[in-house]
Structures are given as C-alpha cells and as structure tokens.
Amino acid sequence: MEQLPNTSAKYTWSYSSISLFQQCPRKYYRLRVTKDIVEPVQEHLLYGSAVHKAAEEYVGAKIDLPPEFDFIRPQLDMLKQLSGTHFCEYEMG
C-alpha cells in the first residue's frame, strides 16, 4: 500500500477538487497528491482562464480589454462603478 506524503501544507478544497474526488478518489490522489500524472489541458479551460485574467486586469489593473472580450465590457463597467474593493474572482476558504 502506498504511503501518503508527509506534508504540513495548507490545502483549500475547491469545487473541482471535491468533484474529482467524488468521481474517482484514486484519480484525485494521483493528480493532486502525488502529482505523478498530468491531465491534458482542455481548450475550454484555457479560454475560461483567459477571460478571467482579462477581467481581472481590466477591473483591477486598469488594463484595457482585448477586443475578443468586448462582450463582457458592459458587466465589468457596472462592477467598476460600484464602491469598495472590486474582485472578479475571490478565493474563499
């Protein structure tokens, strides 16, 4: 039987981590704990990451949106008009 690595690192559970564990605990272990296998990156996830990065830079760093993401400009402009600190995505937990 494999021994779990001794780690004191703090871990935050995400929705995707919990879903992966529920789908297949061994797959979760290999991907997230031992990290001895790597899943291929899926194109739709790359696109989603690019959208999030562009939104964060537009709202937080005041960098203009690339033209391909103009479709989210109205929503981001409404967010920028609100008072307080703005987060496009805020990690909780």
PDB file of N, CA and C in Angstrom:
ATOM      1  N   MET A   1       0.842  -1.180   0.000  1.00  0.00           N
ATOM      2  CA  MET A   1       0.000   0.000   0.000  1.00  0.00           C
ATOM      3  C   MET A   1       0.888   1.245   0.000  1.00  0.00           C
ATOM      4  N   GLU A   2       0.511   2.235  -0.819  1.00  0.00           N
ATOM      5  CA  GLU A   2       1.284   3.469  -0.903  1.00  0.00           C
ATOM      6  C   GLU A   2       1.137   4.287   0.375  1.00  0.00           C
ATOM      7  N   GLN A   3       2.221   4.927   0.758  1.00  0.00           N
ATOM      8  CA  GLN A   3       2.230   5.790   1.927  1.00  0.00           C
ATOM      9  C   GLN A   3       1.936   7.222   1.486  1.00  0.00           C
ATOM     10  N   LEU A   4       1.047   7.901   2.178  1.00  0.00           N
ATOM     11  CA  LEU A   4       0.773   9.304   1.870  1.00  0.00           C
ATOM     12  C   LEU A   4       1.988  10.147   2.204  1.00  0.00           C
ATOM     13  N   PRO A   5       2.275  11.154   1.367  1.00  0.00           N
ATOM     14  CA  PRO A   5       3.401  12.031   1.681  1.00  0.00           C
ATOM     15  C   PRO A   5       3.133  12.815   2.959  1.00  0.00           C
ATOM     16  N   ASN A   6       4.185  13.049   3.716  1.00  0.00           N
ATOM     17  CA  ASN A   6       4.077  13.830   4.944  1.00  0.00           C
ATOM     18  C   ASN A   6       4.152  15.299   4.562  1.00  0.00           C
ATOM     19  N   THR A   7       3.045  15.992   4.667  1.00  0.00           N
ATOM     20  CA  THR A   7       3.028  17.397   4.292  1.00  0.00           C
ATOM     21  C   THR A   7       2.243  18.195   5.321  1.00  0.00           C
ATOM     22  N   SER A   8       2.740  19.369   5.601  1.00  0.00           N
ATOM     23  CA  SER A   8       2.024  20.256   6.517  1.00  0.00           C
ATOM     24  C   SER A   8       1.419  21.424   5.742  1.00  0.00           C
ATOM     25  N   ALA A   9       1.434  21.321   4.410  1.00  0.00           N
ATOM     26  CA  ALA A   9       0.911  22.400   3.582  1.00  0.00           C
ATOM     27  C   ALA A   9      -0.590  22.546   3.793  1.00  0.00           C
ATOM     28  N   LYS A  10      -1.037  23.795   3.859  1.00  0.00           N
ATOM     29  CA  LYS A  10      -2.458  24.079   3.995  1.00  0.00           C
ATOM     30  C   LYS A  10      -3.122  23.852   2.638  1.00  0.00           C
ATOM     31  N   TYR A  11      -4.272  23.212   2.638  1.00  0.00           N
ATOM     32  CA  TYR A  11      -4.959  22.916   1.388  1.00  0.00           C
ATOM     33  C   TYR A  11      -6.374  23.466   1.441  1.00  0.00           C
ATOM     34  N   THR A  12      -6.781  24.101   0.368  1.00  0.00           N
ATOM     35  CA  THR A  12      -8.137  24.615   0.241  1.00  0.00           C
ATOM     36  C   THR A  12      -8.886  23.753  -0.759  1.00  0.00           C
ATOM     37  N   TRP A  13     -10.030  23.253  -0.360  1.00  0.00           N
ATOM     38  CA  TRP A  13     -10.847  22.442  -1.251  1.00  0.00           C
ATOM     39  C   TRP A  13     -11.620  23.346  -2.200  1.00  0.00           C
ATOM     40  N   SER A  14     -11.544  23.043  -3.469  1.00  0.00           N
ATOM     41  CA  SER A  14     -12.332  23.759  -4.465  1.00  0.00           C
ATOM     42  C   SER A  14     -13.459  22.843  -4.939  1.00  0.00           C
ATOM     43  N   TYR A  15     -14.402  23.422  -5.635  1.00  0.00           N
ATOM     44  CA  TYR A  15     -15.490  22.619  -6.191  1.00  0.00           C
ATOM     45  C   TYR A  15     -14.931  21.535  -7.103  1.00  0.00           C
ATOM     46  N   SER A  16     -13.955  21.902  -7.939  1.00  0.00           N
ATOM     47  CA  SER A  16     -13.407  20.916  -8.874  1.00  0.00           C
ATOM     48  C   SER A  16     -12.649  19.811  -8.147  1.00  0.00           C
ATOM     49  N   SER A  17     -11.963  20.138  -7.054  1.00  0.00           N
ATOM     50  CA  SER A  17     -11.257  19.110  -6.282  1.00  0.00           C
ATOM     51  C   SER A  17     -12.236  18.127  -5.647  1.00  0.00           C
ATOM     52  N   ILE A  18     -13.298  18.652  -5.067  1.00  0.00           N
ATOM     53  CA  ILE A  18     -14.302  17.789  -4.439  1.00  0.00           C
ATOM     54  C   ILE A  18     -14.971  16.912  -5.496  1.00  0.00           C
ATOM     55  N   SER A  19     -15.308  17.500  -6.640  1.00  0.00           N
ATOM     56  CA  SER A  19     -15.939  16.729  -7.716  1.00  0.00           C
ATOM     57  C   SER A  19     -15.017  15.625  -8.217  1.00  0.00           C
ATOM     58  N   LEU A  20     -13.746  15.951  -8.377  1.00  0.00           N
ATOM     59  CA  LEU A  20     -12.778  14.955  -8.828  1.00  0.00           C
ATOM     60  C   LEU A  20     -12.664  13.816  -7.822  1.00  0.00           C
ATOM     61  N   PHE A  21     -12.608  14.149  -6.543  1.00  0.00           N
ATOM     62  CA  PHE A  21     -12.518  13.119  -5.510  1.00  0.00           C
ATOM     63  C   PHE A  21     -13.756  12.226  -5.520  1.00  0.00           C
ATOM     64  N   GLN A  22     -14.940  12.838  -5.676  1.00  0.00           N
ATOM     65  CA  GLN A  22     -16.176  12.054  -5.713  1.00  0.00           C
ATOM     66  C   GLN A  22     -16.233  11.163  -6.956  1.00  0.00           C
ATOM     67  N   GLN A  23     -15.697  11.665  -8.054  1.00  0.00           N
ATOM     68  CA  GLN A  23     -15.683  10.904  -9.302  1.00  0.00           C
ATOM     69  C   GLN A  23     -14.778   9.679  -9.164  1.00  0.00           C
ATOM     70  N   CYS A  24     -13.567   9.894  -8.628  1.00  0.00           N
ATOM     71  CA  CYS A  24     -12.613   8.788  -8.520  1.00  0.00           C
ATOM     72  C   CYS A  24     -11.520   9.171  -7.520  1.00  0.00           C
ATOM     73  N   PRO A  25     -11.602   8.674  -6.293  1.00  0.00           N
ATOM     74  CA  PRO A  25     -10.601   9.028  -5.277  1.00  0.00           C
ATOM     75  C   PRO A  25      -9.162   8.724  -5.707  1.00  0.00           C
ATOM     76  N   ARG A  26      -8.967   7.631  -6.426  1.00  0.00           N
ATOM     77  CA  ARG A  26      -7.600   7.301  -6.856  1.00  0.00           C
ATOM     78  C   ARG A  26      -7.085   8.319  -7.873  1.00  0.00           C
ATOM     79  N   LYS A  27      -7.935   8.725  -8.789  1.00  0.00           N
ATOM     80  CA  LYS A  27      -7.541   9.745  -9.769  1.00  0.00           C
ATOM     81  C   LYS A  27      -7.189  11.044  -9.049  1.00  0.00           C
ATOM     82  N   TYR A  28      -8.003  11.414  -8.071  1.00  0.00           N
ATOM     83  CA  TYR A  28      -7.708  12.612  -7.277  1.00  0.00           C
ATOM     84  C   TYR A  28      -6.327  12.490  -6.627  1.00  0.00           C
ATOM     85  N   TYR A  29      -6.076  11.339  -6.008  1.00  0.00           N
ATOM     86  CA  TYR A  29      -4.807  11.104  -5.323  1.00  0.00           C
ATOM     87  C   TYR A  29      -3.629  11.238  -6.289  1.00  0.00           C
ATOM     88  N   ARG A  30      -3.755  10.631  -7.462  1.00  0.00           N
ATOM     89  CA  ARG A  30      -2.649  10.658  -8.422  1.00  0.00           C
ATOM     90  C   ARG A  30      -2.438  12.055  -9.008  1.00  0.00           C
ATOM     91  N   LEU A  31      -3.530  12.787  -9.269  1.00  0.00           N
ATOM     92  CA  LEU A  31      -3.415  14.116  -9.869  1.00  0.00           C
ATOM     93  C   LEU A  31      -3.037  15.196  -8.862  1.00  0.00           C
ATOM     94  N   ARG A  32      -3.630  15.154  -7.674  1.00  0.00           N
ATOM     95  CA  ARG A  32      -3.500  16.268  -6.740  1.00  0.00           C
ATOM     96  C   ARG A  32      -2.555  16.025  -5.572  1.00  0.00           C
ATOM     97  N   VAL A  33      -2.316  14.769  -5.211  1.00  0.00           N
ATOM     98  CA  VAL A  33      -1.462  14.488  -4.053  1.00  0.00           C
ATOM     99  C   VAL A  33      -0.067  14.089  -4.516  1.00  0.00           C
ATOM    100  N   THR A  34       0.040  12.956  -5.213  1.00  0.00           N
ATOM    101  CA  THR A  34       1.369  12.514  -5.653  1.00  0.00           C
ATOM    102  C   THR A  34       1.831  13.273  -6.885  1.00  0.00           C
ATOM    103  N   LYS A  35       0.899  13.763  -7.673  1.00  0.00           N
ATOM    104  CA  LYS A  35       1.183  14.531  -8.892  1.00  0.00           C
ATOM    105  C   LYS A  35       2.101  13.761  -9.838  1.00  0.00           C
ATOM    106  N   ASP A  36       1.887  12.447  -9.918  1.00  0.00           N
ATOM    107  CA  ASP A  36       2.705  11.635 -10.811  1.00  0.00           C
ATOM    108  C   ASP A  36       2.055  11.426 -12.182  1.00  0.00           C
ATOM    109  N   ILE A  37       0.860  11.978 -12.370  1.00  0.00           N
ATOM    110  CA  ILE A  37       0.235  12.013 -13.688  1.00  0.00           C
ATOM    111  C   ILE A  37      -0.293  13.427 -13.914  1.00  0.00           C
ATOM    112  N   VAL A  38      -0.415  13.794 -15.173  1.00  0.00           N
ATOM    113  CA  VAL A  38      -0.898  15.128 -15.530  1.00  0.00           C
ATOM    114  C   VAL A  38      -2.003  14.961 -16.555  1.00  0.00           C
ATOM    115  N   GLU A  39      -3.122  15.628 -16.306  1.00  0.00           N
ATOM    116  CA  GLU A  39      -4.220  15.608 -17.270  1.00  0.00           C
ATOM    117  C   GLU A  39      -3.939  16.620 -18.365  1.00  0.00           C
ATOM    118  N   PRO A  40      -4.263  16.289 -19.618  1.00  0.00           N
ATOM    119  CA  PRO A  40      -4.071  17.266 -20.687  1.00  0.00           C
ATOM    120  C   PRO A  40      -4.965  18.488 -20.462  1.00  0.00           C
ATOM    121  N   VAL A  41      -4.453  19.642 -20.806  1.00  0.00           N
ATOM    122  CA  VAL A  41      -5.218  20.881 -20.653  1.00  0.00           C
ATOM    123  C   VAL A  41      -6.286  20.924 -21.735  1.00  0.00           C
ATOM    124  N   GLN A  42      -7.502  21.248 -21.333  1.00  0.00           N
ATOM    125  CA  GLN A  42      -8.615  21.302 -22.278  1.00  0.00           C
ATOM    126  C   GLN A  42      -8.799  22.732 -22.767  1.00  0.00           C
ATOM    127  N   GLU A  43      -9.100  22.864 -24.049  1.00  0.00           N
ATOM    128  CA  GLU A  43      -9.180  24.174 -24.684  1.00  0.00           C
ATOM    129  C   GLU A  43     -10.181  25.108 -24.008  1.00  0.00           C
ATOM    130  N   HIS A  44     -11.342  24.592 -23.604  1.00  0.00           N
ATOM    131  CA  HIS A  44     -12.348  25.461 -22.984  1.00  0.00           C
ATOM    132  C   HIS A  44     -11.861  25.993 -21.634  1.00  0.00           C
ATOM    133  N   LEU A  45     -11.007  25.234 -20.942  1.00  0.00           N
ATOM    134  CA  LEU A  45     -10.458  25.726 -19.677  1.00  0.00           C
ATOM    135  C   LEU A  45      -9.435  26.832 -19.917  1.00  0.00           C
ATOM    136  N   LEU A  46      -8.656  26.706 -20.977  1.00  0.00           N
ATOM    137  CA  LEU A  46      -7.706  27.766 -21.332  1.00  0.00           C
ATOM    138  C   LEU A  46      -8.449  29.056 -21.662  1.00  0.00           C
ATOM    139  N   TYR A  47      -9.552  28.931 -22.393  1.00  0.00           N
ATOM    140  CA  TYR A  47     -10.349  30.100 -22.749  1.00  0.00           C
ATOM    141  C   TYR A  47     -10.926  30.759 -21.497  1.00  0.00           C
ATOM    142  N   GLY A  48     -11.464  29.954 -20.600  1.00  0.00           N
ATOM    143  CA  GLY A  48     -12.019  30.489 -19.356  1.00  0.00           C
ATOM    144  C   GLY A  48     -10.968  31.212 -18.533  1.00  0.00           C
ATOM    145  N   SER A  49      -9.771  30.662 -18.482  1.00  0.00           N
ATOM    146  CA  SER A  49      -8.677  31.311 -17.751  1.00  0.00           C
ATOM    147  C   SER A  49      -8.314  32.645 -18.393  1.00  0.00           C
ATOM    148  N   ALA A  50      -8.328  32.690 -19.723  1.00  0.00           N
ATOM    149  CA  ALA A  50      -8.015  33.934 -20.428  1.00  0.00           C
ATOM    150  C   ALA A  50      -9.076  35.000 -20.149  1.00  0.00           C
ATOM    151  N   VAL A  51     -10.348  34.601 -20.107  1.00  0.00           N
ATOM    152  CA  VAL A  51     -11.432  35.547 -19.803  1.00  0.00           C
ATOM    153  C   VAL A  51     -11.260  36.102 -18.390  1.00  0.00           C
ATOM    154  N   HIS A  52     -10.992  35.229 -17.423  1.00  0.00           N
ATOM    155  CA  HIS A  52     -10.806  35.673 -16.038  1.00  0.00           C
ATOM    156  C   HIS A  52      -9.621  36.626 -15.915  1.00  0.00           C
ATOM    157  N   LYS A  53      -8.526  36.298 -16.569  1.00  0.00           N
ATOM    158  CA  LYS A  53      -7.334  37.153 -16.493  1.00  0.00           C
ATOM    159  C   LYS A  53      -7.624  38.525 -17.094  1.00  0.00           C
ATOM    160  N   ALA A  54      -8.277  38.545 -18.254  1.00  0.00           N
ATOM    161  CA  ALA A  54      -8.610  39.818 -18.898  1.00  0.00           C
ATOM    162  C   ALA A  54      -9.534  40.646 -18.009  1.00  0.00           C
ATOM    163  N   ALA A  55     -10.521  40.008 -17.379  1.00  0.00           N
ATOM    164  CA  ALA A  55     -11.449  40.719 -16.495  1.00  0.00           C
ATOM    165  C   ALA A  55     -10.719  41.280 -15.283  1.00  0.00           C
ATOM    166  N   GLU A  56      -9.858  40.486 -14.676  1.00  0.00           N
ATOM    167  CA  GLU A  56      -9.104  40.948 -13.508  1.00  0.00           C
ATOM    168  C   GLU A  56      -8.216  42.132 -13.860  1.00  0.00           C
ATOM    169  N   GLU A  57      -7.552  42.060 -15.015  1.00  0.00           N
ATOM    170  CA  GLU A  57      -6.669  43.155 -15.422  1.00  0.00           C
ATOM    171  C   GLU A  57      -7.465  44.409 -15.760  1.00  0.00           C
ATOM    172  N   TYR A  58      -8.619  44.259 -16.368  1.00  0.00           N
ATOM    173  CA  TYR A  58      -9.452  45.399 -16.738  1.00  0.00           C
ATOM    174  C   TYR A  58     -10.008  46.094 -15.500  1.00  0.00           C
ATOM    175  N   VAL A  59     -10.504  45.321 -14.562  1.00  0.00           N
ATOM    176  CA  VAL A  59     -11.115  45.893 -13.360  1.00  0.00           C
ATOM    177  C   VAL A  59     -10.053  46.329 -12.359  1.00  0.00           C
ATOM    178  N   GLY A  60      -9.075  45.481 -12.102  1.00  0.00           N
ATOM    179  CA  GLY A  60      -8.106  45.757 -11.051  1.00  0.00           C
ATOM    180  C   GLY A  60      -6.922  46.595 -11.476  1.00  0.00           C
ATOM    181  N   ALA A  61      -6.312  46.243 -12.593  1.00  0.00           N
ATOM    182  CA  ALA A  61      -5.082  46.913 -13.018  1.00  0.00           C
ATOM    183  C   ALA A  61      -5.336  48.006 -14.046  1.00  0.00           C
ATOM    184  N   LYS A  62      -6.596  48.203 -14.402  1.00  0.00           N
ATOM    185  CA  LYS A  62      -6.991  49.244 -15.363  1.00  0.00           C
ATOM    186  C   LYS A  62      -6.338  49.050 -16.740  1.00  0.00           C
ATOM    187  N   ILE A  63      -6.148  47.788 -17.128  1.00  0.00           N
ATOM    188  CA  ILE A  63      -5.620  47.463 -18.451  1.00  0.00           C
ATOM    189  C   ILE A  63      -6.811  47.220 -19.369  1.00  0.00           C
ATOM    190  N   ASP A  64      -6.798  47.798 -20.575  1.00  0.00           N
ATOM    191  CA  ASP A  64      -7.949  47.671 -21.465  1.00  0.00           C
ATOM    192  C   ASP A  64      -8.181  46.217 -21.869  1.00  0.00           C
ATOM    193  N   LEU A  65      -9.436  45.902 -22.114  1.00  0.00           N
ATOM    194  CA  LEU A  65      -9.815  44.551 -22.533  1.00  0.00           C
ATOM    195  C   LEU A  65      -9.345  44.275 -23.955  1.00  0.00           C
ATOM    196  N   PRO A  66      -8.854  43.078 -24.217  1.00  0.00           N
ATOM    197  CA  PRO A  66      -8.590  42.700 -25.605  1.00  0.00           C
ATOM    198  C   PRO A  66      -9.914  42.684 -26.375  1.00  0.00           C
ATOM    199  N   PRO A  67      -9.893  42.996 -27.659  1.00  0.00           N
ATOM    200  CA  PRO A  67     -11.135  43.078 -28.446  1.00  0.00           C
ATOM    201  C   PRO A  67     -12.000  41.821 -28.389  1.00  0.00           C
ATOM    202  N   GLU A  68     -11.384  40.646 -28.256  1.00  0.00           N
ATOM    203  CA  GLU A  68     -12.175  39.409 -28.252  1.00  0.00           C
ATOM    204  C   GLU A  68     -13.037  39.250 -27.003  1.00  0.00           C
ATOM    205  N   PHE A  69     -12.795  40.098 -25.988  1.00  0.00           N
ATOM    206  CA  PHE A  69     -13.583  40.013 -24.757  1.00  0.00           C
ATOM    207  C   PHE A  69     -14.480  41.233 -24.557  1.00  0.00           C
ATOM    208  N   ASP A  70     -14.718  41.982 -25.622  1.00  0.00           N
ATOM    209  CA  ASP A  70     -15.599  43.154 -25.528  1.00  0.00           C
ATOM    210  C   ASP A  70     -17.009  42.790 -25.077  1.00  0.00           C
ATOM    211  N   PHE A  71     -17.413  41.559 -25.281  1.00  0.00           N
ATOM    212  CA  PHE A  71     -18.769  41.144 -24.909  1.00  0.00           C
ATOM    213  C   PHE A  71     -18.996  41.192 -23.395  1.00  0.00           C
ATOM    214  N   ILE A  72     -17.932  41.206 -22.574  1.00  0.00           N
ATOM    215  CA  ILE A  72     -18.111  41.290 -21.119  1.00  0.00           C
ATOM    216  C   ILE A  72     -17.870  42.702 -20.580  1.00  0.00           C
ATOM    217  N   ARG A  73     -17.530  43.631 -21.473  1.00  0.00           N
ATOM    218  CA  ARG A  73     -17.240  45.007 -21.044  1.00  0.00           C
ATOM    219  C   ARG A  73     -18.406  45.653 -20.286  1.00  0.00           C
ATOM    220  N   PRO A  74     -19.669  45.538 -20.746  1.00  0.00           N
ATOM    221  CA  PRO A  74     -20.769  46.188 -20.009  1.00  0.00           C
ATOM    222  C   PRO A  74     -20.884  45.706 -18.557  1.00  0.00           C
ATOM    223  N   GLN A  75     -20.744  44.416 -18.332  1.00  0.00           N
ATOM    224  CA  GLN A  75     -20.841  43.888 -16.969  1.00  0.00           C
ATOM    225  C   GLN A  75     -19.654  44.347 -16.120  1.00  0.00           C
ATOM    226  N   LEU A  76     -18.474  44.358 -16.708  1.00  0.00           N
ATOM    227  CA  LEU A  76     -17.294  44.792 -15.960  1.00  0.00           C
ATOM    228  C   LEU A  76     -17.352  46.286 -15.659  1.00  0.00           C
ATOM    229  N   ASP A  77     -17.896  47.070 -16.593  1.00  0.00           N
ATOM    230  CA  ASP A  77     -18.050  48.510 -16.343  1.00  0.00           C
ATOM    231  C   ASP A  77     -19.017  48.764 -15.191  1.00  0.00           C
ATOM    232  N   MET A  78     -20.092  47.963 -15.103  1.00  0.00           N
ATOM    233  CA  MET A  78     -21.017  48.107 -13.968  1.00  0.00           C
ATOM    234  C   MET A  78     -20.302  47.769 -12.659  1.00  0.00           C
ATOM    235  N   LEU A  79     -19.488  46.741 -12.676  1.00  0.00           N
ATOM    236  CA  LEU A  79     -18.731  46.359 -11.486  1.00  0.00           C
ATOM    237  C   LEU A  79     -17.771  47.472 -11.076  1.00  0.00           C
ATOM    238  N   LYS A  80     -17.104  48.085 -12.045  1.00  0.00           N
ATOM    239  CA  LYS A  80     -16.139  49.146 -11.744  1.00  0.00           C
ATOM    240  C   LYS A  80     -16.811  50.372 -11.119  1.00  0.00           C
ATOM    241  N   GLN A  81     -18.099  50.589 -11.417  1.00  0.00           N
ATOM    242  CA  GLN A  81     -18.805  51.753 -10.887  1.00  0.00           C
ATOM    243  C   GLN A  81     -19.232  51.582  -9.433  1.00  0.00           C
ATOM    244  N   LEU A  82     -19.232  50.369  -8.927  1.00  0.00           N
ATOM    245  CA  LEU A  82     -19.617  50.128  -7.538  1.00  0.00           C
ATOM    246  C   LEU A  82     -18.526  50.619  -6.598  1.00  0.00           C
ATOM    247  N   SER A  83     -18.926  51.057  -5.418  1.00  0.00           N
ATOM    248  CA  SER A  83     -17.929  51.493  -4.445  1.00  0.00           C
ATOM    249  C   SER A  83     -17.313  50.271  -3.773  1.00  0.00           C
ATOM    250  N   GLY A  84     -16.162  50.463  -3.183  1.00  0.00           N
ATOM    251  CA  GLY A  84     -15.495  49.369  -2.476  1.00  0.00           C
ATOM    252  C   GLY A  84     -14.431  48.701  -3.323  1.00  0.00           C
ATOM    253  N   THR A  85     -13.896  47.627  -2.787  1.00  0.00           N
ATOM    254  CA  THR A  85     -12.861  46.866  -3.475  1.00  0.00           C
ATOM    255  C   THR A  85     -13.516  45.908  -4.462  1.00  0.00           C
ATOM    256  N   HIS A  86     -12.965  45.837  -5.657  1.00  0.00           N
ATOM    257  CA  HIS A  86     -13.539  45.003  -6.713  1.00  0.00           C
ATOM    258  C   HIS A  86     -12.731  43.727  -6.895  1.00  0.00           C
ATOM    259  N   PHE A  87     -13.440  42.625  -6.987  1.00  0.00           N
ATOM    260  CA  PHE A  87     -12.817  41.337  -7.265  1.00  0.00           C
ATOM    261  C   PHE A  87     -13.589  40.667  -8.390  1.00  0.00           C
ATOM    262  N   CYS A  88     -12.882  40.238  -9.417  1.00  0.00           N
ATOM    263  CA  CYS A  88     -13.541  39.468 -10.480  1.00  0.00           C
ATOM    264  C   CYS A  88     -13.726  38.033 -10.029  1.00  0.00           C
ATOM    265  N   GLU A  89     -12.815  37.556  -9.236  1.00  0.00           N
ATOM    266  CA  GLU A  89     -12.928  36.227  -8.655  1.00  0.00           C
ATOM    267  C   GLU A  89     -12.178  36.298  -7.338  1.00  0.00           C
ATOM    268  N   TYR A  90     -12.812  35.863  -6.290  1.00  0.00           N
ATOM    269  CA  TYR A  90     -12.200  35.931  -4.970  1.00  0.00           C
ATOM    270  C   TYR A  90     -12.185  34.546  -4.374  1.00  0.00           C
ATOM    271  N   GLU A  91     -10.984  34.076  -4.035  1.00  0.00           N
ATOM    272  CA  GLU A  91     -10.852  32.742  -3.466  1.00  0.00           C
ATOM    273  C   GLU A  91     -11.232  32.786  -1.998  1.00  0.00           C
ATOM    274  N   MET A  92     -12.160  31.943  -1.628  1.00  0.00           N
ATOM    275  CA  MET A  92     -12.608  31.910  -0.240  1.00  0.00           C
ATOM    276  C   MET A  92     -12.312  30.539   0.344  1.00  0.00           C
ATOM    277  N   GLY A  93     -11.950  30.515   1.587  1.00  0.00           N
ATOM    278  CA  GLY A  93     -11.695  29.235   2.238  1.00  0.00           C
ATOM    279  C   GLY A  93     -10.252  29.035   2.566  1.00  0.00           C
TER     280      GLY A  93
END
